[in-house]
Amino acid sequence: MKATMKNKLILQKEEQLYQLLRQFDSVAVTLSGGADSALLCRLAAEALGNTKITALTAAGSMLPAEELQAAAALCERLQIRHVVLPAEEFSVDAFRFNRKDRCYHCKKNMMEKCINYAKAHHIAAVLDGTNADDLGQDRPGLKAAEELSVGKPLADCGITKPEVYTLLEKFGLTDYVKPSMSCLATRFPVGEELTEEKLALCWKIEKKIRRLGVQGYMRARILGDTVKIEAKKEEQYKIVSSPIKQEAEKLGFKTVLLELE
């Protein structure tokens, strides 16, 4: 009974979202390659038709190549237009110097590029994949999106993160049912100047850890020549019993720490 009620609620939210999307003649969706924006692209294509949706990906050092490839693959599958815009994040001082308000200014920079593209191509609205669970978190980037009037239809329809995953599975998009990936800049201390090389190094070590079979939450915090790995308690044995220390040393790290709960 509970499962039936849950499925009915998700269907109601899905239909509500279709109705919301149909008020636009055309939309641009900011596509990162993650779960939320992937679902929004799929639903927008269903609601409006694939010729009336454009996926915009702001690509730079903070977006790993694998995520860009995932975004491109989704657009090819859905047969929607995919436009890659240069993020140029290092032109934003708040990002480059990793200030506390980095996220706000970085998000504003990317959203402005998307809005400018939409205006130039007569696209009615710019939407992002913010879900209902995001609203209860401290996310400065949400403030920037709100100030620029970027729509958040998933959140407006009350679609939560678990429901995002449920709908992705329904549509056969299981490749996008994956852990949320925060910006790589979060792996470095506030105030430390960021470079393309530092972000690339962080992604290399995290990829090596993922290949050990670590699922869910995982972060590799970079502190000079030390890397501190954070992971769920039940998965830490995979890291402890692996040659990750030697792999990290090959990348130039002298010390590897494992954050214990």
C-alpha atoms as a PDB file:
ATOM      1  CA  MET A   1       0.000   0.000   0.000  1.00  0.00           C
ATOM      2  CA  LYS A   2       2.753   2.438   0.990  1.00  0.00           C
ATOM      3  CA  ALA A   3       4.695   1.703  -2.190  1.00  0.00           C
ATOM      4  CA  THR A   4       1.576   2.310  -4.291  1.00  0.00           C
ATOM      5  CA  MET A   5       0.921   5.647  -2.571  1.00  0.00           C
ATOM      6  CA  LYS A   6       4.548   6.639  -3.048  1.00  0.00           C
ATOM      7  CA  ASN A   7       4.440   5.828  -6.772  1.00  0.00           C
ATOM      8  CA  LYS A   8       1.183   7.738  -7.139  1.00  0.00           C
ATOM      9  CA  LEU A   9       2.736  10.805  -5.498  1.00  0.00           C
ATOM     10  CA  ILE A  10       5.731  10.687  -7.843  1.00  0.00           C
ATOM     11  CA  LEU A  11       3.414  10.422 -10.855  1.00  0.00           C
ATOM     12  CA  GLN A  12       1.454  13.432  -9.608  1.00  0.00           C
ATOM     13  CA  LYS A  13       4.655  15.448  -9.281  1.00  0.00           C
ATOM     14  CA  GLU A  14       5.793  14.343 -12.713  1.00  0.00           C
ATOM     15  CA  GLU A  15       2.510  15.482 -14.281  1.00  0.00           C
ATOM     16  CA  GLN A  16       2.695  18.772 -12.375  1.00  0.00           C
ATOM     17  CA  LEU A  17       6.161  19.330 -13.793  1.00  0.00           C
ATOM     18  CA  TYR A  18       4.978  18.630 -17.343  1.00  0.00           C
ATOM     19  CA  GLN A  19       2.271  21.249 -16.895  1.00  0.00           C
ATOM     20  CA  LEU A  20       4.784  23.749 -15.562  1.00  0.00           C
ATOM     21  CA  LEU A  21       7.165  23.181 -18.476  1.00  0.00           C
ATOM     22  CA  ARG A  22       4.433  23.474 -21.103  1.00  0.00           C
ATOM     23  CA  GLN A  23       3.963  27.136 -20.273  1.00  0.00           C
ATOM     24  CA  PHE A  24       7.239  27.849 -22.105  1.00  0.00           C
ATOM     25  CA  ASP A  25       7.681  27.913 -25.872  1.00  0.00           C
ATOM     26  CA  SER A  26      11.277  26.806 -25.452  1.00  0.00           C
ATOM     27  CA  VAL A  27      13.754  26.253 -22.629  1.00  0.00           C
ATOM     28  CA  ALA A  28      17.460  26.003 -21.981  1.00  0.00           C
ATOM     29  CA  VAL A  29      18.519  23.576 -19.261  1.00  0.00           C
ATOM     30  CA  THR A  30      21.865  23.968 -17.510  1.00  0.00           C
ATOM     31  CA  LEU A  31      23.260  20.448 -17.841  1.00  0.00           C
ATOM     32  CA  SER A  32      26.163  19.300 -15.669  1.00  0.00           C
ATOM     33  CA  GLY A  33      26.090  15.587 -16.431  1.00  0.00           C
ATOM     34  CA  GLY A  34      24.620  14.796 -13.018  1.00  0.00           C
ATOM     35  CA  ALA A  35      21.313  13.236 -11.995  1.00  0.00           C
ATOM     36  CA  ASP A  36      19.105  16.289 -11.470  1.00  0.00           C
ATOM     37  CA  SER A  37      19.831  18.128 -14.700  1.00  0.00           C
ATOM     38  CA  ALA A  38      19.737  14.849 -16.645  1.00  0.00           C
ATOM     39  CA  LEU A  39      16.209  14.194 -15.395  1.00  0.00           C
ATOM     40  CA  LEU A  40      15.113  17.743 -16.168  1.00  0.00           C
ATOM     41  CA  CYS A  41      16.355  17.398 -19.747  1.00  0.00           C
ATOM     42  CA  ARG A  42      14.407  14.158 -20.134  1.00  0.00           C
ATOM     43  CA  LEU A  43      11.199  15.644 -18.731  1.00  0.00           C
ATOM     44  CA  ALA A  44      11.538  18.852 -20.760  1.00  0.00           C
ATOM     45  CA  ALA A  45      12.034  16.853 -23.946  1.00  0.00           C
ATOM     46  CA  GLU A  46       8.870  14.900 -23.112  1.00  0.00           C
ATOM     47  CA  ALA A  47       6.859  18.008 -22.303  1.00  0.00           C
ATOM     48  CA  LEU A  48       7.954  20.291 -25.159  1.00  0.00           C
ATOM     49  CA  GLY A  49       9.485  18.037 -27.779  1.00  0.00           C
ATOM     50  CA  ASN A  50      13.204  17.636 -28.313  1.00  0.00           C
ATOM     51  CA  THR A  51      13.473  20.513 -30.797  1.00  0.00           C
ATOM     52  CA  LYS A  52      12.413  23.078 -28.193  1.00  0.00           C
ATOM     53  CA  ILE A  53      15.028  22.287 -25.590  1.00  0.00           C
ATOM     54  CA  THR A  54      18.684  23.277 -25.540  1.00  0.00           C
ATOM     55  CA  ALA A  55      21.097  21.848 -22.981  1.00  0.00           C
ATOM     56  CA  LEU A  56      23.820  24.281 -21.923  1.00  0.00           C
ATOM     57  CA  THR A  57      26.985  23.021 -20.266  1.00  0.00           C
ATOM     58  CA  ALA A  58      29.490  25.505 -18.847  1.00  0.00           C
ATOM     59  CA  ALA A  59      32.754  23.627 -19.229  1.00  0.00           C
ATOM     60  CA  GLY A  60      35.951  24.453 -17.409  1.00  0.00           C
ATOM     61  CA  SER A  61      38.483  23.002 -15.006  1.00  0.00           C
ATOM     62  CA  MET A  62      35.865  22.311 -12.329  1.00  0.00           C
ATOM     63  CA  LEU A  63      33.958  19.980 -14.686  1.00  0.00           C
ATOM     64  CA  PRO A  64      35.790  16.662 -15.209  1.00  0.00           C
ATOM     65  CA  ALA A  65      35.936  15.392 -18.777  1.00  0.00           C
ATOM     66  CA  GLU A  66      33.864  12.353 -17.784  1.00  0.00           C
ATOM     67  CA  GLU A  67      30.986  14.585 -16.674  1.00  0.00           C
ATOM     68  CA  LEU A  68      31.109  16.541 -19.927  1.00  0.00           C
ATOM     69  CA  GLN A  69      31.048  13.259 -21.848  1.00  0.00           C
ATOM     70  CA  ALA A  70      28.034  12.116 -19.818  1.00  0.00           C
ATOM     71  CA  ALA A  71      26.211  15.344 -20.657  1.00  0.00           C
ATOM     72  CA  ALA A  72      26.974  14.969 -24.366  1.00  0.00           C
ATOM     73  CA  ALA A  73      25.878  11.320 -24.353  1.00  0.00           C
ATOM     74  CA  LEU A  74      22.545  12.209 -22.755  1.00  0.00           C
ATOM     75  CA  CYS A  75      21.836  14.891 -25.334  1.00  0.00           C
ATOM     76  CA  GLU A  76      22.658  12.504 -28.155  1.00  0.00           C
ATOM     77  CA  ARG A  77      20.329   9.909 -26.638  1.00  0.00           C
ATOM     78  CA  LEU A  78      17.484  12.414 -26.207  1.00  0.00           C
ATOM     79  CA  GLN A  79      18.257  14.038 -29.573  1.00  0.00           C
ATOM     80  CA  ILE A  80      18.386  17.507 -28.087  1.00  0.00           C
ATOM     81  CA  ARG A  81      20.740  20.357 -28.914  1.00  0.00           C
ATOM     82  CA  HIS A  82      23.825  20.506 -26.706  1.00  0.00           C
ATOM     83  CA  VAL A  83      25.876  23.681 -26.465  1.00  0.00           C
ATOM     84  CA  VAL A  84      29.129  23.835 -24.510  1.00  0.00           C
ATOM     85  CA  LEU A  85      29.948  27.286 -23.178  1.00  0.00           C
ATOM     86  CA  PRO A  86      33.385  28.275 -21.810  1.00  0.00           C
ATOM     87  CA  ALA A  87      33.071  28.653 -18.034  1.00  0.00           C
ATOM     88  CA  GLU A  88      36.157  30.875 -17.772  1.00  0.00           C
ATOM     89  CA  GLU A  89      35.985  30.412 -14.027  1.00  0.00           C
ATOM     90  CA  PHE A  90      39.514  31.648 -13.384  1.00  0.00           C
ATOM     91  CA  SER A  91      38.454  35.079 -14.611  1.00  0.00           C
ATOM     92  CA  VAL A  92      36.311  35.256 -11.448  1.00  0.00           C
ATOM     93  CA  ASP A  93      38.563  36.343  -8.584  1.00  0.00           C
ATOM     94  CA  ALA A  94      36.300  34.802  -5.936  1.00  0.00           C
ATOM     95  CA  PHE A  95      36.778  31.425  -7.618  1.00  0.00           C
ATOM     96  CA  ARG A  96      40.461  31.764  -8.399  1.00  0.00           C
ATOM     97  CA  PHE A  97      41.348  32.702  -4.825  1.00  0.00           C
ATOM     98  CA  ASN A  98      38.814  30.241  -3.367  1.00  0.00           C
ATOM     99  CA  ARG A  99      37.032  32.822  -1.240  1.00  0.00           C
ATOM    100  CA  LYS A 100      34.159  31.940   1.064  1.00  0.00           C
ATOM    101  CA  ASP A 101      31.701  33.422  -1.419  1.00  0.00           C
ATOM    102  CA  ARG A 102      33.277  31.486  -4.312  1.00  0.00           C
ATOM    103  CA  CYS A 103      30.180  29.424  -5.055  1.00  0.00           C
ATOM    104  CA  TYR A 104      27.902  32.442  -5.389  1.00  0.00           C
ATOM    105  CA  HIS A 105      30.161  34.301  -7.818  1.00  0.00           C
ATOM    106  CA  CYS A 106      31.060  31.176  -9.809  1.00  0.00           C
ATOM    107  CA  LYS A 107      27.415  30.184 -10.210  1.00  0.00           C
ATOM    108  CA  LYS A 108      26.490  33.747 -11.177  1.00  0.00           C
ATOM    109  CA  ASN A 109      29.223  33.778 -13.809  1.00  0.00           C
ATOM    110  CA  MET A 110      28.003  30.533 -15.371  1.00  0.00           C
ATOM    111  CA  MET A 111      24.325  31.443 -15.184  1.00  0.00           C
ATOM    112  CA  GLU A 112      24.946  34.808 -16.828  1.00  0.00           C
ATOM    113  CA  LYS A 113      26.634  33.037 -19.733  1.00  0.00           C
ATOM    114  CA  CYS A 114      23.622  30.722 -20.087  1.00  0.00           C
ATOM    115  CA  ILE A 115      21.165  33.608 -19.898  1.00  0.00           C
ATOM    116  CA  ASN A 116      23.087  35.595 -22.499  1.00  0.00           C
ATOM    117  CA  TYR A 117      23.056  32.592 -24.821  1.00  0.00           C
ATOM    118  CA  ALA A 118      19.321  32.092 -24.297  1.00  0.00           C
ATOM    119  CA  LYS A 119      18.571  35.739 -25.028  1.00  0.00           C
ATOM    120  CA  ALA A 120      20.712  35.727 -28.162  1.00  0.00           C
ATOM    121  CA  HIS A 121      18.878  32.645 -29.446  1.00  0.00           C
ATOM    122  CA  HIS A 122      15.380  33.715 -28.360  1.00  0.00           C
ATOM    123  CA  ILE A 123      14.947  30.905 -25.828  1.00  0.00           C
ATOM    124  CA  ALA A 124      12.090  31.649 -23.437  1.00  0.00           C
ATOM    125  CA  ALA A 125      13.575  30.483 -20.126  1.00  0.00           C
ATOM    126  CA  VAL A 126      16.704  29.117 -18.472  1.00  0.00           C
ATOM    127  CA  LEU A 127      16.138  26.277 -15.985  1.00  0.00           C
ATOM    128  CA  ASP A 128      18.415  24.344 -13.644  1.00  0.00           C
ATOM    129  CA  GLY A 129      18.177  21.023 -11.838  1.00  0.00           C
ATOM    130  CA  THR A 130      17.750  22.242  -8.250  1.00  0.00           C
ATOM    131  CA  ASN A 131      15.609  19.671  -6.428  1.00  0.00           C
ATOM    132  CA  ALA A 132      13.410  20.085  -3.352  1.00  0.00           C
ATOM    133  CA  ASP A 133      16.055  18.696  -0.979  1.00  0.00           C
ATOM    134  CA  ASP A 134      18.555  21.312  -2.136  1.00  0.00           C
ATOM    135  CA  LEU A 135      16.352  24.098  -0.783  1.00  0.00           C
ATOM    136  CA  GLY A 136      17.007  23.076   2.805  1.00  0.00           C
ATOM    137  CA  GLN A 137      20.778  23.336   2.432  1.00  0.00           C
ATOM    138  CA  ASP A 138      23.233  26.196   2.567  1.00  0.00           C
ATOM    139  CA  ARG A 139      23.931  26.694  -1.124  1.00  0.00           C
ATOM    140  CA  PRO A 140      25.080  30.192  -2.099  1.00  0.00           C
ATOM    141  CA  GLY A 141      24.749  29.224  -5.743  1.00  0.00           C
ATOM    142  CA  LEU A 142      20.976  29.037  -5.289  1.00  0.00           C
ATOM    143  CA  LYS A 143      20.938  32.711  -4.366  1.00  0.00           C
ATOM    144  CA  ALA A 144      22.695  33.612  -7.601  1.00  0.00           C
ATOM    145  CA  ALA A 145      20.231  31.539  -9.636  1.00  0.00           C
ATOM    146  CA  GLU A 146      17.274  33.193  -7.916  1.00  0.00           C
ATOM    147  CA  GLU A 147      18.670  36.685  -8.483  1.00  0.00           C
ATOM    148  CA  LEU A 148      18.976  35.927 -12.196  1.00  0.00           C
ATOM    149  CA  SER A 149      15.470  34.388 -12.368  1.00  0.00           C
ATOM    150  CA  VAL A 150      16.712  30.949 -13.364  1.00  0.00           C
ATOM    151  CA  GLY A 151      13.826  28.491 -12.987  1.00  0.00           C
ATOM    152  CA  LYS A 152      13.950  25.443 -10.704  1.00  0.00           C
ATOM    153  CA  PRO A 153      10.987  23.278 -11.800  1.00  0.00           C
ATOM    154  CA  LEU A 154      12.037  20.112  -9.942  1.00  0.00           C
ATOM    155  CA  ALA A 155      12.088  21.992  -6.640  1.00  0.00           C
ATOM    156  CA  ASP A 156       8.899  23.903  -7.468  1.00  0.00           C
ATOM    157  CA  CYS A 157       7.103  20.588  -7.961  1.00  0.00           C
ATOM    158  CA  GLY A 158       8.513  19.155  -4.725  1.00  0.00           C
ATOM    159  CA  ILE A 159      10.639  16.486  -6.422  1.00  0.00           C
ATOM    160  CA  THR A 160      13.230  15.195  -3.947  1.00  0.00           C
ATOM    161  CA  LYS A 161      16.601  13.561  -4.628  1.00  0.00           C
ATOM    162  CA  PRO A 162      15.308   9.999  -4.066  1.00  0.00           C
ATOM    163  CA  GLU A 163      12.443  10.761  -6.448  1.00  0.00           C
ATOM    164  CA  VAL A 164      14.933  12.032  -9.025  1.00  0.00           C
ATOM    165  CA  TYR A 165      16.628   8.630  -8.891  1.00  0.00           C
ATOM    166  CA  THR A 166      13.289   6.811  -9.102  1.00  0.00           C
ATOM    167  CA  LEU A 167      12.292   8.741 -12.222  1.00  0.00           C
ATOM    168  CA  LEU A 168      15.692   8.241 -13.861  1.00  0.00           C
ATOM    169  CA  GLU A 169      15.293   4.500 -13.380  1.00  0.00           C
ATOM    170  CA  LYS A 170      11.775   4.693 -14.804  1.00  0.00           C
ATOM    171  CA  PHE A 171      13.121   6.296 -17.977  1.00  0.00           C
ATOM    172  CA  GLY A 172      16.026   3.866 -18.258  1.00  0.00           C
ATOM    173  CA  LEU A 173      18.643   6.498 -17.423  1.00  0.00           C
ATOM    174  CA  THR A 174      20.354   4.460 -14.729  1.00  0.00           C
ATOM    175  CA  ASP A 175      23.795   5.725 -15.809  1.00  0.00           C
ATOM    176  CA  TYR A 176      22.877   9.024 -14.185  1.00  0.00           C
ATOM    177  CA  VAL A 177      21.837   7.492 -10.857  1.00  0.00           C
ATOM    178  CA  LYS A 178      25.122   8.340  -9.185  1.00  0.00           C
ATOM    179  CA  PRO A 179      26.429  10.229  -6.162  1.00  0.00           C
ATOM    180  CA  SER A 180      26.227  14.008  -6.283  1.00  0.00           C
ATOM    181  CA  MET A 181      29.551  15.574  -7.122  1.00  0.00           C
ATOM    182  CA  SER A 182      30.345  18.906  -5.545  1.00  0.00           C
ATOM    183  CA  CYS A 183      32.711  21.351  -7.209  1.00  0.00           C
ATOM    184  CA  LEU A 184      36.364  20.284  -7.004  1.00  0.00           C
ATOM    185  CA  ALA A 185      37.214  23.679  -5.509  1.00  0.00           C
ATOM    186  CA  THR A 186      35.623  22.484  -2.250  1.00  0.00           C
ATOM    187  CA  ARG A 187      38.548  20.082  -1.778  1.00  0.00           C
ATOM    188  CA  PHE A 188      40.965  22.924  -1.038  1.00  0.00           C
ATOM    189  CA  PRO A 189      41.243  25.246   1.985  1.00  0.00           C
ATOM    190  CA  VAL A 190      39.431  28.578   1.734  1.00  0.00           C
ATOM    191  CA  GLY A 191      41.841  31.249   0.567  1.00  0.00           C
ATOM    192  CA  GLU A 192      44.184  28.920  -1.323  1.00  0.00           C
ATOM    193  CA  GLU A 193      44.661  30.030  -4.915  1.00  0.00           C
ATOM    194  CA  LEU A 194      43.279  27.473  -7.349  1.00  0.00           C
ATOM    195  CA  THR A 195      44.860  26.387 -10.615  1.00  0.00           C
ATOM    196  CA  GLU A 196      43.859  24.032 -13.398  1.00  0.00           C
ATOM    197  CA  GLU A 197      46.666  21.706 -12.337  1.00  0.00           C
ATOM    198  CA  LYS A 198      45.432  21.477  -8.735  1.00  0.00           C
ATOM    199  CA  LEU A 199      41.877  20.669  -9.785  1.00  0.00           C
ATOM    200  CA  ALA A 200      43.090  18.064 -12.262  1.00  0.00           C
ATOM    201  CA  LEU A 201      45.253  16.432  -9.564  1.00  0.00           C
ATOM    202  CA  CYS A 202      42.295  16.238  -7.208  1.00  0.00           C
ATOM    203  CA  TRP A 203      40.158  14.550  -9.849  1.00  0.00           C
ATOM    204  CA  LYS A 204      42.920  12.026 -10.603  1.00  0.00           C
ATOM    205  CA  ILE A 205      43.144  10.840  -7.001  1.00  0.00           C
ATOM    206  CA  GLU A 206      39.363  10.693  -6.605  1.00  0.00           C
ATOM    207  CA  LYS A 207      39.071   8.596  -9.769  1.00  0.00           C
ATOM    208  CA  LYS A 208      41.604   6.151  -8.387  1.00  0.00           C
ATOM    209  CA  ILE A 209      39.615   5.873  -5.153  1.00  0.00           C
ATOM    210  CA  ARG A 210      36.342   5.341  -7.034  1.00  0.00           C
ATOM    211  CA  ARG A 211      37.947   2.507  -8.972  1.00  0.00           C
ATOM    212  CA  LEU A 212      38.397   0.686  -5.671  1.00  0.00           C
ATOM    213  CA  GLY A 213      34.625   0.289  -5.622  1.00  0.00           C
ATOM    214  CA  VAL A 214      33.913   3.136  -3.203  1.00  0.00           C
ATOM    215  CA  GLN A 215      30.302   4.236  -3.646  1.00  0.00           C
ATOM    216  CA  GLY A 216      28.327   7.168  -2.295  1.00  0.00           C
ATOM    217  CA  TYR A 217      29.967  10.046  -0.462  1.00  0.00           C
ATOM    218  CA  MET A 218      33.720  10.417  -0.979  1.00  0.00           C
ATOM    219  CA  ARG A 219      36.002  13.437  -1.019  1.00  0.00           C
ATOM    220  CA  ALA A 220      39.783  13.805  -1.322  1.00  0.00           C
ATOM    221  CA  ARG A 221      40.740  16.976   0.549  1.00  0.00           C
ATOM    222  CA  ILE A 222      44.034  18.448  -0.629  1.00  0.00           C
ATOM    223  CA  LEU A 223      46.286  20.083   1.995  1.00  0.00           C
ATOM    224  CA  GLY A 224      49.574  20.842   0.271  1.00  0.00           C
ATOM    225  CA  ASP A 225      51.338  17.511  -0.239  1.00  0.00           C
ATOM    226  CA  THR A 226      48.811  15.725   1.998  1.00  0.00           C
ATOM    227  CA  VAL A 227      45.542  14.202   0.818  1.00  0.00           C
ATOM    228  CA  LYS A 228      42.816  13.478   3.390  1.00  0.00           C
ATOM    229  CA  ILE A 229      40.237  10.989   2.182  1.00  0.00           C
ATOM    230  CA  GLU A 230      36.669  11.121   3.473  1.00  0.00           C
ATOM    231  CA  ALA A 231      34.336   8.184   2.876  1.00  0.00           C
ATOM    232  CA  LYS A 232      31.480   6.329   4.484  1.00  0.00           C
ATOM    233  CA  LYS A 233      32.526   4.217   7.456  1.00  0.00           C
ATOM    234  CA  GLU A 234      31.278   0.989   5.900  1.00  0.00           C
ATOM    235  CA  GLU A 235      33.462   1.518   2.834  1.00  0.00           C
ATOM    236  CA  GLN A 236      36.682   2.649   4.443  1.00  0.00           C
ATOM    237  CA  TYR A 237      38.047  -0.900   4.478  1.00  0.00           C
ATOM    238  CA  LYS A 238      38.254  -0.744   0.675  1.00  0.00           C
ATOM    239  CA  ILE A 239      40.647   2.171   0.976  1.00  0.00           C
ATOM    240  CA  VAL A 240      42.680   0.778   3.884  1.00  0.00           C
ATOM    241  CA  SER A 241      43.252  -2.559   2.148  1.00  0.00           C
ATOM    242  CA  SER A 242      44.174  -0.979  -1.195  1.00  0.00           C
ATOM    243  CA  PRO A 243      47.448   0.353  -2.656  1.00  0.00           C
ATOM    244  CA  ILE A 244      46.007   3.876  -2.699  1.00  0.00           C
ATOM    245  CA  LYS A 245      48.935   5.228  -0.656  1.00  0.00           C
ATOM    246  CA  GLN A 246      51.376   4.155  -3.342  1.00  0.00           C
ATOM    247  CA  GLU A 247      49.106   5.548  -6.058  1.00  0.00           C
ATOM    248  CA  ALA A 248      48.885   8.878  -4.220  1.00  0.00           C
ATOM    249  CA  GLU A 249      52.653   9.010  -3.866  1.00  0.00           C
ATOM    250  CA  LYS A 250      52.984   8.574  -7.629  1.00  0.00           C
ATOM    251  CA  LEU A 251      50.881  11.726  -7.995  1.00  0.00           C
ATOM    252  CA  GLY A 252      53.222  13.642  -5.685  1.00  0.00           C
ATOM    253  CA  PHE A 253      51.485  13.299  -2.313  1.00  0.00           C
ATOM    254  CA  LYS A 254      53.713  12.534   0.696  1.00  0.00           C
ATOM    255  CA  THR A 255      50.984  11.760   3.213  1.00  0.00           C
ATOM    256  CA  VAL A 256      47.617  10.016   2.905  1.00  0.00           C
ATOM    257  CA  LEU A 257      45.095  10.358   5.709  1.00  0.00           C
ATOM    258  CA  LEU A 258      41.748   8.621   6.154  1.00  0.00           C
ATOM    259  CA  GLU A 259      39.068  10.587   7.978  1.00  0.00           C
ATOM    260  CA  LEU A 260      37.498   8.374  10.638  1.00  0.00           C
ATOM    261  CA  GLU A 261      33.910   8.840  11.854  1.00  0.00           C
END
